[in-house]
Structure formats: C-alpha cells, structure tokens
Amino acid sequence: MLAGLGYSIMPLIGIRNELSKNELQIVPIKGLPIVTTWSLIWLKGKKRTPVSGAFLEYLTNEKVKIVKEKFSGYEQY
C-alpha cells in the first residue's frame, strides 16, 4: 500500500511501525489473521554446536515471553 499498489497480506511484526504512524491500515477480513505453527528443525543425528544449543535452550525457556512481546497485540489494530 505504501507504493499505492493495493492490498497485501503482511505479518504484523513487519508492519508495526507503519501502523503506529497510520501509514498502513488493517482491513478486517473473515478468516484472518492466519494462525500458524512454527517449528525448529535440524538434521537428524547432527551434533549441535554450543551456540545452537544455547539458542534452542533460550527459545525453550523464553518462548511464552517472546510470543507475548513480539507476536501478540494484533487486536489493537
């Protein structure tokens, strides 16, 4: 819409700034928002590096907080 080309389906996390500045508008559509499930995958049998192991542990411990802070709040728009 910024380019004047019409409608688009965008993830809220990617357009929050534009919404807060009233540069974009959400149009309510039946069946939206799209609810998805995210998964982490890795090769079976591959040994994780310390960094990837720490990242997985962080996500496991903080997932509820991350979802609440980064992926909720669409109702306000």
Protein backbone atom coordinates (compact mmCIF):
# COMPACT_ATOMS: atom_id res chain seq x y z
CA MET A 1 0.00 0.00 0.00
CA LEU A 2 2.93 2.32 0.51
CA ALA A 3 3.61 2.11 -3.21
CA GLY A 4 -0.08 2.64 -3.95
CA LEU A 5 -0.47 -0.83 -5.46
CA GLY A 6 -3.35 -2.11 -3.34
CA TYR A 7 -3.80 -4.81 -0.73
CA SER A 8 -1.37 -7.30 0.76
CA ILE A 9 -1.17 -9.91 3.49
CA MET A 10 1.73 -9.00 5.76
CA PRO A 11 2.96 -10.29 9.11
CA LEU A 12 2.07 -7.82 11.85
CA ILE A 13 5.59 -7.93 13.24
CA GLY A 14 6.84 -6.45 9.97
CA ILE A 15 4.43 -3.51 9.76
CA ARG A 16 4.01 -2.32 13.36
CA ASN A 17 5.92 0.92 12.74
CA GLU A 18 3.77 1.79 9.74
CA LEU A 19 0.59 1.01 11.66
CA SER A 20 1.65 3.19 14.60
CA LYS A 21 2.29 6.09 12.18
CA ASN A 22 -1.04 5.49 10.40
CA GLU A 23 0.78 4.81 7.14
CA LEU A 24 -1.00 1.47 6.75
CA GLN A 25 -4.44 0.28 7.74
CA ILE A 26 -5.68 -3.21 8.56
CA VAL A 27 -8.89 -4.14 6.79
CA PRO A 28 -10.81 -6.85 8.70
CA ILE A 29 -11.34 -9.92 6.51
CA LYS A 30 -13.15 -13.11 7.53
CA GLY A 31 -10.60 -15.88 8.09
CA LEU A 32 -7.79 -13.53 9.06
CA PRO A 33 -5.46 -13.33 10.88
CA ILE A 34 -3.82 -16.51 9.69
CA VAL A 35 -2.70 -18.62 12.64
CA THR A 36 0.46 -20.63 12.03
CA THR A 37 2.64 -23.09 13.86
CA TRP A 38 6.39 -22.55 13.88
CA SER A 39 8.88 -25.38 14.21
CA LEU A 40 12.62 -25.67 14.62
CA ILE A 41 14.26 -28.38 12.56
CA TRP A 42 17.75 -29.77 12.20
CA LEU A 43 19.37 -32.74 10.55
CA LYS A 44 18.79 -35.97 12.43
CA GLY A 45 21.99 -37.15 14.05
CA LYS A 46 23.82 -33.86 13.52
CA LYS A 47 25.62 -32.65 16.60
CA ARG A 48 24.52 -29.19 17.72
CA THR A 49 27.14 -26.52 18.26
CA PRO A 50 27.27 -24.83 21.68
CA VAL A 51 25.74 -21.70 20.15
CA SER A 52 22.84 -23.56 18.52
CA GLY A 53 22.29 -25.49 21.75
CA ALA A 54 22.19 -22.25 23.74
CA PHE A 55 19.76 -20.75 21.22
CA LEU A 56 17.46 -23.77 21.49
CA GLU A 57 17.60 -23.59 25.29
CA TYR A 58 16.83 -19.86 25.18
CA LEU A 59 13.82 -20.40 22.91
CA THR A 60 12.57 -23.24 25.07
CA ASN A 61 12.82 -21.16 28.25
CA GLU A 62 11.58 -17.87 26.81
CA LYS A 63 9.02 -18.92 24.18
CA VAL A 64 5.95 -17.70 26.09
CA LYS A 65 7.57 -14.31 26.75
CA ILE A 66 8.77 -13.99 23.13
CA VAL A 67 5.31 -14.77 21.72
CA LYS A 68 3.65 -12.32 24.12
CA GLU A 69 6.11 -9.49 23.41
CA LYS A 70 6.68 -9.95 19.67
CA PHE A 71 3.67 -11.74 18.20
CA SER A 72 0.63 -10.59 20.13
CA GLY A 73 -1.28 -7.36 20.21
CA TYR A 74 -2.78 -7.50 16.73
CA GLU A 75 -6.18 -6.97 18.37
CA GLN A 76 -5.30 -3.31 18.98
CA TYR A 77 -5.17 -2.66 15.24
